[in-house]
C-alpha atoms as a PDB file:
ATOM      1  CA  MET A   1     109.083 -75.694 305.647  1.00  0.00           C
ATOM      2  CA  THR A   2     111.487 -78.178 307.231  1.00  0.00           C
ATOM      3  CA  TYR A   3     114.886 -77.116 308.376  1.00  0.00           C
ATOM      4  CA  GLU A   4     118.171 -79.177 309.069  1.00  0.00           C
ATOM      5  CA  MET A   5     119.980 -76.520 311.023  1.00  0.00           C
ATOM      6  CA  ILE A   6     117.591 -74.181 312.585  1.00  0.00           C
ATOM      7  CA  LEU A   7     114.307 -74.396 314.352  1.00  0.00           C
ATOM      8  CA  SER A   8     111.195 -72.321 313.379  1.00  0.00           C
ATOM      9  CA  GLU A   9     108.152 -71.649 315.217  1.00  0.00           C
ATOM     10  CA  ARG A  10     105.493 -68.979 315.280  1.00  0.00           C
ATOM     11  CA  ARG A  11     104.295 -67.977 318.868  1.00  0.00           C
ATOM     12  CA  GLY A  12     101.681 -65.903 318.343  1.00  0.00           C
ATOM     13  CA  ASP A  13     102.656 -63.071 316.140  1.00  0.00           C
ATOM     14  CA  VAL A  14     106.440 -63.526 316.846  1.00  0.00           C
ATOM     15  CA  LEU A  15     108.401 -65.778 314.605  1.00  0.00           C
ATOM     16  CA  VAL A  16     110.718 -67.551 316.742  1.00  0.00           C
ATOM     17  CA  LEU A  17     113.945 -68.994 315.109  1.00  0.00           C
ATOM     18  CA  THR A  18     116.621 -71.303 316.774  1.00  0.00           C
ATOM     19  CA  LEU A  19     120.176 -71.849 315.460  1.00  0.00           C
ATOM     20  CA  ASN A  20     119.995 -75.640 316.035  1.00  0.00           C
ATOM     21  CA  ARG A  21     123.586 -76.820 316.164  1.00  0.00           C
ATOM     22  CA  PRO A  22     124.093 -77.101 320.005  1.00  0.00           C
ATOM     23  CA  GLU A  23     126.602 -80.034 319.885  1.00  0.00           C
ATOM     24  CA  ARG A  24     129.116 -77.163 317.996  1.00  0.00           C
ATOM     25  CA  LEU A  25     127.678 -74.156 319.793  1.00  0.00           C
ATOM     26  CA  ASN A  26     125.786 -73.412 316.995  1.00  0.00           C
ATOM     27  CA  ALA A  27     128.698 -73.220 314.408  1.00  0.00           C
ATOM     28  CA  ALA A  28     127.104 -72.012 311.365  1.00  0.00           C
ATOM     29  CA  PRO A  29     127.899 -73.402 307.793  1.00  0.00           C
ATOM     30  CA  PRO A  30     126.869 -71.663 304.877  1.00  0.00           C
ATOM     31  CA  GLN A  31     123.522 -73.581 304.956  1.00  0.00           C
ATOM     32  CA  LEU A  32     122.221 -72.311 308.165  1.00  0.00           C
ATOM     33  CA  PHE A  33     122.402 -69.022 306.875  1.00  0.00           C
ATOM     34  CA  ASP A  34     120.360 -70.017 303.836  1.00  0.00           C
ATOM     35  CA  GLU A  35     118.158 -71.446 306.115  1.00  0.00           C
ATOM     36  CA  LEU A  36     117.806 -68.263 308.241  1.00  0.00           C
ATOM     37  CA  ARG A  37     117.209 -66.298 305.079  1.00  0.00           C
ATOM     38  CA  ALA A  38     114.539 -68.806 303.726  1.00  0.00           C
ATOM     39  CA  ALA A  39     112.618 -68.235 306.778  1.00  0.00           C
ATOM     40  CA  ILE A  40     112.595 -64.622 307.304  1.00  0.00           C
ATOM     41  CA  GLY A  41     111.288 -64.565 303.468  1.00  0.00           C
ATOM     42  CA  ALA A  42     108.229 -66.655 304.694  1.00  0.00           C
ATOM     43  CA  LEU A  43     106.951 -64.464 307.591  1.00  0.00           C
ATOM     44  CA  ALA A  44     103.214 -65.184 306.790  1.00  0.00           C
ATOM     45  CA  GLY A  45     102.006 -62.344 308.823  1.00  0.00           C
ATOM     46  CA  ALA A  46     104.699 -62.651 311.623  1.00  0.00           C
ATOM     47  CA  ARG A  47     105.116 -59.135 313.000  1.00  0.00           C
ATOM     48  CA  ALA A  48     108.642 -59.708 314.551  1.00  0.00           C
ATOM     49  CA  VAL A  49     111.258 -62.394 314.889  1.00  0.00           C
ATOM     50  CA  LEU A  50     113.194 -63.804 317.578  1.00  0.00           C
ATOM     51  CA  VAL A  51     116.600 -65.242 316.840  1.00  0.00           C
ATOM     52  CA  THR A  52     118.473 -67.369 319.538  1.00  0.00           C
ATOM     53  CA  GLY A  53     120.909 -70.402 319.690  1.00  0.00           C
ATOM     54  CA  ALA A  54     119.969 -74.102 321.242  1.00  0.00           C
ATOM     55  CA  GLY A  55     121.823 -75.365 324.094  1.00  0.00           C
ATOM     56  CA  ARG A  56     124.951 -73.045 325.968  1.00  0.00           C
ATOM     57  CA  GLY A  57     125.706 -70.695 322.683  1.00  0.00           C
ATOM     58  CA  PHE A  58     124.443 -68.259 320.444  1.00  0.00           C
ATOM     59  CA  CYS A  59     126.688 -68.837 317.451  1.00  0.00           C
ATOM     60  CA  SER A  60     130.473 -69.601 317.911  1.00  0.00           C
ATOM     61  CA  GLY A  61     130.954 -68.158 314.288  1.00  0.00           C
ATOM     62  CA  ALA A  62     131.111 -69.850 310.964  1.00  0.00           C
ATOM     63  CA  ASP A  63     131.298 -73.405 310.726  1.00  0.00           C
ATOM     64  CA  VAL A  64     134.807 -74.137 308.781  1.00  0.00           C
ATOM     65  CA  ALA A  65     135.445 -77.801 309.844  1.00  0.00           C
ATOM     66  CA  GLY A  66     135.884 -80.568 307.518  1.00  0.00           C
ATOM     67  CA  GLY A  67     136.801 -78.115 304.808  1.00  0.00           C
ATOM     68  CA  ALA A  68     133.231 -76.750 304.645  1.00  0.00           C
ATOM     69  CA  LEU A  69     134.550 -73.622 303.071  1.00  0.00           C
ATOM     70  CA  GLY A  70     136.814 -75.380 300.575  1.00  0.00           C
ATOM     71  CA  ALA A  71     140.188 -76.600 300.791  1.00  0.00           C
ATOM     72  CA  ASP A  72     141.577 -76.268 297.191  1.00  0.00           C
ATOM     73  CA  ASP A  73     140.864 -72.501 297.141  1.00  0.00           C
ATOM     74  CA  PRO A  74     140.456 -71.671 300.556  1.00  0.00           C
ATOM     75  CA  GLY A  75     140.519 -67.829 299.941  1.00  0.00           C
ATOM     76  CA  ASN A  76     138.122 -67.914 297.248  1.00  0.00           C
ATOM     77  CA  ALA A  77     135.651 -70.434 298.782  1.00  0.00           C
ATOM     78  CA  THR A  78     135.386 -68.049 302.036  1.00  0.00           C
ATOM     79  CA  PHE A  79     134.726 -65.302 299.398  1.00  0.00           C
ATOM     80  CA  VAL A  80     131.665 -67.253 297.736  1.00  0.00           C
ATOM     81  CA  ALA A  81     130.299 -68.258 300.884  1.00  0.00           C
ATOM     82  CA  LEU A  82     130.395 -64.633 302.145  1.00  0.00           C
ATOM     83  CA  THR A  83     129.201 -63.142 299.012  1.00  0.00           C
ATOM     84  CA  GLU A  84     126.349 -65.819 298.402  1.00  0.00           C
ATOM     85  CA  HIS A  85     125.275 -66.892 301.858  1.00  0.00           C
ATOM     86  CA  TYR A  86     126.469 -65.326 304.801  1.00  0.00           C
ATOM     87  CA  ASN A  87     126.154 -61.417 303.318  1.00  0.00           C
ATOM     88  CA  ALA A  88     122.984 -62.427 301.538  1.00  0.00           C
ATOM     89  CA  THR A  89     121.078 -63.310 304.936  1.00  0.00           C
ATOM     90  CA  MET A  90     122.731 -60.495 306.544  1.00  0.00           C
ATOM     91  CA  ALA A  91     121.364 -58.157 303.902  1.00  0.00           C
ATOM     92  CA  ALA A  92     117.813 -59.693 304.379  1.00  0.00           C
ATOM     93  CA  PHE A  93     117.809 -59.108 308.116  1.00  0.00           C
ATOM     94  CA  ALA A  94     118.819 -55.534 307.502  1.00  0.00           C
ATOM     95  CA  GLU A  95     115.788 -55.001 304.983  1.00  0.00           C
ATOM     96  CA  LEU A  96     113.128 -57.073 306.742  1.00  0.00           C
ATOM     97  CA  ALA A  97     110.276 -55.084 307.534  1.00  0.00           C
ATOM     98  CA  VAL A  98     109.458 -56.037 311.178  1.00  0.00           C
ATOM     99  CA  PRO A  99     111.595 -55.806 314.441  1.00  0.00           C
ATOM    100  CA  VAL A 100     114.294 -58.523 315.142  1.00  0.00           C
ATOM    101  CA  VAL A 101     115.599 -59.483 318.663  1.00  0.00           C
ATOM    102  CA  SER A 102     118.322 -61.397 319.098  1.00  0.00           C
ATOM    103  CA  ALA A 103     118.782 -63.700 322.605  1.00  0.00           C
ATOM    104  CA  VAL A 104     122.669 -64.186 323.275  1.00  0.00           C
ATOM    105  CA  ARG A 105     123.820 -66.699 326.008  1.00  0.00           C
ATOM    106  CA  GLY A 106     127.278 -68.194 325.822  1.00  0.00           C
ATOM    107  CA  PRO A 107     129.098 -66.849 322.630  1.00  0.00           C
ATOM    108  CA  ALA A 108     128.403 -64.860 319.733  1.00  0.00           C
ATOM    109  CA  ALA A 109     131.984 -64.850 317.793  1.00  0.00           C
ATOM    110  CA  GLY A 110     132.623 -64.021 314.355  1.00  0.00           C
ATOM    111  CA  ILE A 111     129.825 -64.226 312.137  1.00  0.00           C
ATOM    112  CA  GLY A 112     127.515 -65.246 314.959  1.00  0.00           C
ATOM    113  CA  CYS A 113     128.700 -61.768 316.516  1.00  0.00           C
ATOM    114  CA  SER A 114     127.472 -60.124 313.252  1.00  0.00           C
ATOM    115  CA  LEU A 115     124.105 -61.773 313.593  1.00  0.00           C
ATOM    116  CA  ALA A 116     123.492 -61.121 316.863  1.00  0.00           C
ATOM    117  CA  LEU A 117     124.130 -57.168 316.796  1.00  0.00           C
ATOM    118  CA  ALA A 118     122.366 -57.102 313.573  1.00  0.00           C
ATOM    119  CA  ALA A 119     119.222 -57.189 315.573  1.00  0.00           C
ATOM    120  CA  ASP A 120     117.315 -54.298 316.295  1.00  0.00           C
ATOM    121  CA  PHE A 121     117.524 -55.330 319.875  1.00  0.00           C
ATOM    122  CA  CYS A 122     120.270 -57.612 321.390  1.00  0.00           C
ATOM    123  CA  VAL A 123     119.129 -58.783 324.768  1.00  0.00           C
ATOM    124  CA  ALA A 124     122.053 -60.994 326.231  1.00  0.00           C
ATOM    125  CA  SER A 125     122.020 -63.405 329.335  1.00  0.00           C
ATOM    126  CA  ASP A 126     125.223 -62.651 331.892  1.00  0.00           C
ATOM    127  CA  THR A 127     126.705 -65.507 330.497  1.00  0.00           C
ATOM    128  CA  ALA A 128     127.132 -64.351 326.951  1.00  0.00           C
ATOM    129  CA  TYR A 129     130.383 -62.436 325.516  1.00  0.00           C
ATOM    130  CA  PHE A 130     130.847 -60.941 321.847  1.00  0.00           C
ATOM    131  CA  LEU A 131     134.059 -62.266 319.955  1.00  0.00           C
ATOM    132  CA  GLN A 132     135.708 -61.031 316.762  1.00  0.00           C
ATOM    133  CA  ALA A 133     138.544 -63.568 317.273  1.00  0.00           C
ATOM    134  CA  PHE A 134     140.135 -63.025 313.251  1.00  0.00           C
ATOM    135  CA  VAL A 135     143.048 -61.968 314.238  1.00  0.00           C
ATOM    136  CA  ASN A 136     144.198 -64.570 316.239  1.00  0.00           C
ATOM    137  CA  ILE A 137     143.847 -66.550 312.837  1.00  0.00           C
ATOM    138  CA  GLY A 138     145.208 -64.153 310.684  1.00  0.00           C
ATOM    139  CA  LEU A 139     141.936 -63.296 309.291  1.00  0.00           C
ATOM    140  CA  VAL A 140     139.669 -59.774 308.913  1.00  0.00           C
ATOM    141  CA  PRO A 141     136.244 -59.193 310.513  1.00  0.00           C
ATOM    142  CA  ASP A 142     133.203 -60.009 308.296  1.00  0.00           C
ATOM    143  CA  GLY A 143     129.475 -60.577 308.037  1.00  0.00           C
ATOM    144  CA  GLY A 144     129.313 -56.408 308.246  1.00  0.00           C
ATOM    145  CA  ALA A 145     131.248 -56.201 311.260  1.00  0.00           C
ATOM    146  CA  SER A 146     133.523 -53.424 310.244  1.00  0.00           C
ATOM    147  CA  TRP A 147     130.263 -51.516 309.326  1.00  0.00           C
ATOM    148  CA  MET A 148     128.173 -52.402 312.310  1.00  0.00           C
ATOM    149  CA  VAL A 149     130.350 -52.708 315.190  1.00  0.00           C
ATOM    150  CA  PRO A 150     131.979 -49.015 315.272  1.00  0.00           C
ATOM    151  CA  ARG A 151     128.556 -47.608 314.762  1.00  0.00           C
ATOM    152  CA  LEU A 152     127.467 -49.039 317.727  1.00  0.00           C
ATOM    153  CA  ILE A 153     130.281 -48.244 320.283  1.00  0.00           C
ATOM    154  CA  GLY A 154     133.038 -46.194 317.939  1.00  0.00           C
ATOM    155  CA  ARG A 155     136.164 -46.547 316.106  1.00  0.00           C
ATOM    156  CA  ALA A 156     138.103 -46.756 318.994  1.00  0.00           C
ATOM    157  CA  ARG A 157     136.599 -49.612 320.737  1.00  0.00           C
ATOM    158  CA  ALA A 158     135.866 -51.511 317.435  1.00  0.00           C
ATOM    159  CA  THR A 159     139.213 -51.320 317.207  1.00  0.00           C
ATOM    160  CA  GLU A 160     140.119 -52.679 320.540  1.00  0.00           C
ATOM    161  CA  MET A 161     137.661 -55.363 320.106  1.00  0.00           C
ATOM    162  CA  MET A 162     138.670 -56.339 316.641  1.00  0.00           C
ATOM    163  CA  MET A 163     142.712 -55.913 316.767  1.00  0.00           C
ATOM    164  CA  LEU A 164     143.237 -57.232 319.979  1.00  0.00           C
ATOM    165  CA  GLY A 165     140.688 -60.253 319.461  1.00  0.00           C
ATOM    166  CA  GLU A 166     139.605 -60.458 323.280  1.00  0.00           C
ATOM    167  CA  LYS A 167     136.006 -61.288 324.625  1.00  0.00           C
ATOM    168  CA  VAL A 168     133.765 -58.622 325.321  1.00  0.00           C
ATOM    169  CA  PRO A 169     131.366 -60.148 328.099  1.00  0.00           C
ATOM    170  CA  ALA A 170     127.935 -58.956 327.922  1.00  0.00           C
ATOM    171  CA  ALA A 171     128.188 -56.397 331.139  1.00  0.00           C
ATOM    172  CA  LYS A 172     130.590 -54.567 329.235  1.00  0.00           C
ATOM    173  CA  ALA A 173     128.998 -54.762 325.721  1.00  0.00           C
ATOM    174  CA  LEU A 174     125.640 -53.157 327.654  1.00  0.00           C
ATOM    175  CA  ASP A 175     128.301 -50.263 329.172  1.00  0.00           C
ATOM    176  CA  TRP A 176     129.601 -49.648 325.890  1.00  0.00           C
ATOM    177  CA  GLY A 177     125.942 -49.420 324.473  1.00  0.00           C
ATOM    178  CA  MET A 178     126.216 -52.523 322.198  1.00  0.00           C
ATOM    179  CA  ILE A 179     123.449 -54.362 323.230  1.00  0.00           C
ATOM    180  CA  HIS A 180     119.934 -53.369 324.841  1.00  0.00           C
ATOM    181  CA  GLN A 181     119.548 -55.322 327.973  1.00  0.00           C
ATOM    182  CA  MET A 182     121.504 -58.020 329.867  1.00  0.00           C
ATOM    183  CA  VAL A 183     119.357 -60.533 332.135  1.00  0.00           C
ATOM    184  CA  ALA A 184     120.473 -63.151 334.314  1.00  0.00           C
ATOM    185  CA  ASP A 185     120.528 -66.106 332.009  1.00  0.00           C
ATOM    186  CA  GLU A 186     117.552 -67.875 333.558  1.00  0.00           C
ATOM    187  CA  ALA A 187     115.469 -65.133 332.489  1.00  0.00           C
ATOM    188  CA  LEU A 188     116.836 -64.670 329.039  1.00  0.00           C
ATOM    189  CA  ASP A 189     114.116 -66.409 327.152  1.00  0.00           C
ATOM    190  CA  ALA A 190     111.437 -64.900 328.733  1.00  0.00           C
ATOM    191  CA  ALA A 191     112.517 -61.498 328.610  1.00  0.00           C
ATOM    192  CA  ALA A 192     113.728 -61.852 324.911  1.00  0.00           C
ATOM    193  CA  PHE A 193     110.254 -62.938 323.777  1.00  0.00           C
ATOM    194  CA  ALA A 194     108.587 -60.415 326.180  1.00  0.00           C
ATOM    195  CA  LEU A 195     110.448 -57.820 324.040  1.00  0.00           C
ATOM    196  CA  ALA A 196     109.553 -59.444 320.940  1.00  0.00           C
ATOM    197  CA  GLU A 197     106.199 -59.658 321.832  1.00  0.00           C
ATOM    198  CA  ARG A 198     105.671 -56.306 323.047  1.00  0.00           C
ATOM    199  CA  LEU A 199     107.372 -55.077 319.465  1.00  0.00           C
ATOM    200  CA  ALA A 200     104.841 -57.457 317.368  1.00  0.00           C
ATOM    201  CA  ALA A 201     102.258 -55.489 318.751  1.00  0.00           C
ATOM    202  CA  GLY A 202     103.166 -52.441 317.825  1.00  0.00           C
ATOM    203  CA  PRO A 203     102.650 -50.352 314.480  1.00  0.00           C
ATOM    204  CA  THR A 204     104.176 -52.796 311.870  1.00  0.00           C
ATOM    205  CA  VAL A 205     104.323 -50.338 309.120  1.00  0.00           C
ATOM    206  CA  ALA A 206     105.731 -47.620 311.217  1.00  0.00           C
ATOM    207  CA  LEU A 207     108.302 -49.668 313.014  1.00  0.00           C
ATOM    208  CA  GLY A 208     109.787 -51.268 309.638  1.00  0.00           C
ATOM    209  CA  LEU A 209     110.000 -47.693 308.145  1.00  0.00           C
ATOM    210  CA  MET A 210     111.721 -46.461 311.206  1.00  0.00           C
ATOM    211  CA  LYS A 211     114.266 -49.485 310.933  1.00  0.00           C
ATOM    212  CA  ARG A 212     115.092 -48.446 307.144  1.00  0.00           C
ATOM    213  CA  GLY A 213     114.960 -45.059 307.560  1.00  0.00           C
ATOM    214  CA  LEU A 214     117.756 -45.481 310.631  1.00  0.00           C
ATOM    215  CA  ASN A 215     120.032 -47.656 308.487  1.00  0.00           C
ATOM    216  CA  HIS A 216     119.568 -45.069 305.564  1.00  0.00           C
ATOM    217  CA  ALA A 217     120.297 -41.954 307.608  1.00  0.00           C
ATOM    218  CA  LEU A 218     123.493 -43.302 308.651  1.00  0.00           C
ATOM    219  CA  GLU A 219     125.077 -42.635 305.367  1.00  0.00           C
ATOM    220  CA  VAL A 220     123.490 -39.786 304.099  1.00  0.00           C
ATOM    221  CA  ASP A 221     123.838 -35.937 304.536  1.00  0.00           C
ATOM    222  CA  TYR A 222     121.230 -34.005 307.181  1.00  0.00           C
ATOM    223  CA  PRO A 223     118.869 -32.748 304.337  1.00  0.00           C
ATOM    224  CA  THR A 224     118.543 -36.373 302.677  1.00  0.00           C
ATOM    225  CA  ALA A 225     117.627 -37.954 306.029  1.00  0.00           C
ATOM    226  CA  MET A 226     114.646 -35.324 306.671  1.00  0.00           C
ATOM    227  CA  LEU A 227     113.298 -35.723 303.190  1.00  0.00           C
ATOM    228  CA  ARG A 228     113.584 -39.625 303.747  1.00  0.00           C
ATOM    229  CA  GLU A 229     111.607 -38.936 306.739  1.00  0.00           C
ATOM    230  CA  ALA A 230     109.195 -37.207 305.231  1.00  0.00           C
ATOM    231  CA  GLU A 231     108.622 -39.630 302.320  1.00  0.00           C
ATOM    232  CA  ASN A 232     108.145 -42.504 305.436  1.00  0.00           C
ATOM    233  CA  GLN A 233     105.780 -40.176 307.013  1.00  0.00           C
ATOM    234  CA  ARG A 234     103.765 -40.443 304.273  1.00  0.00           C
ATOM    235  CA  ALA A 235     103.682 -44.114 303.720  1.00  0.00           C
ATOM    236  CA  ALA A 236     103.184 -44.358 307.515  1.00  0.00           C
ATOM    237  CA  ARG A 237     100.498 -41.929 307.525  1.00  0.00           C
ATOM    238  CA  GLY A 238      98.424 -43.811 305.140  1.00  0.00           C
ATOM    239  CA  SER A 239      98.279 -47.132 307.328  1.00  0.00           C
ATOM    240  CA  ALA A 240      95.295 -48.516 309.326  1.00  0.00           C
ATOM    241  CA  ASP A 241      97.658 -48.280 312.336  1.00  0.00           C
ATOM    242  CA  SER A 242      98.171 -44.691 312.054  1.00  0.00           C
ATOM    243  CA  MET A 243      94.233 -44.220 311.893  1.00  0.00           C
ATOM    244  CA  GLU A 244      93.962 -46.490 315.030  1.00  0.00           C
ATOM    245  CA  GLY A 245      96.593 -44.333 316.621  1.00  0.00           C
ATOM    246  CA  GLY A 246      94.707 -41.573 316.131  1.00  0.00           C
ATOM    247  CA  ILE A 247      91.365 -42.552 317.500  1.00  0.00           C
ATOM    248  CA  ALA A 248      92.870 -44.145 320.087  1.00  0.00           C
ATOM    249  CA  PHE A 249      94.568 -40.832 321.223  1.00  0.00           C
ATOM    250  CA  LEU A 250      91.158 -39.072 320.886  1.00  0.00           C
ATOM    251  CA  GLN A 251      89.193 -41.700 322.806  1.00  0.00           C
ATOM    252  CA  LYS A 252      92.144 -41.966 325.566  1.00  0.00           C
ATOM    253  CA  ARG A 253      92.656 -45.461 325.202  1.00  0.00           C
ATOM    254  CA  LYS A 254      95.453 -47.652 324.236  1.00  0.00           C
ATOM    255  CA  PRO A 255      95.492 -48.665 320.489  1.00  0.00           C
ATOM    256  CA  ALA A 256      95.413 -51.741 319.175  1.00  0.00           C
ATOM    257  CA  PHE A 257      97.340 -51.980 316.385  1.00  0.00           C
ATOM    258  CA  LYS A 258      96.757 -54.925 313.534  1.00  0.00           C
ATOM    259  CA  GLY A 259      99.863 -54.432 311.606  1.00  0.00           C
ATOM    260  CA  ALA A 260      98.556 -52.558 309.223  1.00  0.00           C
END
């Protein structure tokens, strides 16, 4: 499939998706998020996804220049863009049955911040920062930020981030527990890909069930979460990778998972 705003490249078992509008710091019109959703909907056997940005920024937010979200009725146009494009893509990433890694340098702002933090692992360079600046233009966080950010860093810090609208540098984001790892800028691409490659070599069925189980457990009570775990364990136990893991354990060797 050909895309206009992203690059899609298969590198072994990893699907690498690059936001490709570097002249705009990868500001994202609705079409860019539609292309991301199409790309992850066509994994074709990829066992992990890496999302990054071309140039010196990950994503500076939604692209509203030139009336991209509508001028006649901007409130309703924004609602439609969110519900039919941006949010649909965020939900698709949440439901994706393989791990996702984001590699962030420079700004991850607005919807770009939501996209970066929606990954199962966010690796940031020491140039990266995370920003919810909606308050500065009289708007509110979107793209799932109000659900996601307090779950990552707690309500008090999320309130600080959103109501003060100040940059959170990568070092602070790491200290807050918002991201997985911070590396030197020149090491970012290699570090993020190595993590994605490691995940792609894992038991894909079990990893997908873990991902969905974690999201589900945030919203239910303890007994319901345990029941979901039991159901997921039943599904994982029936996988070929589970059988390989058991045999490898008995043979005292490293398992060779195939993703099935």
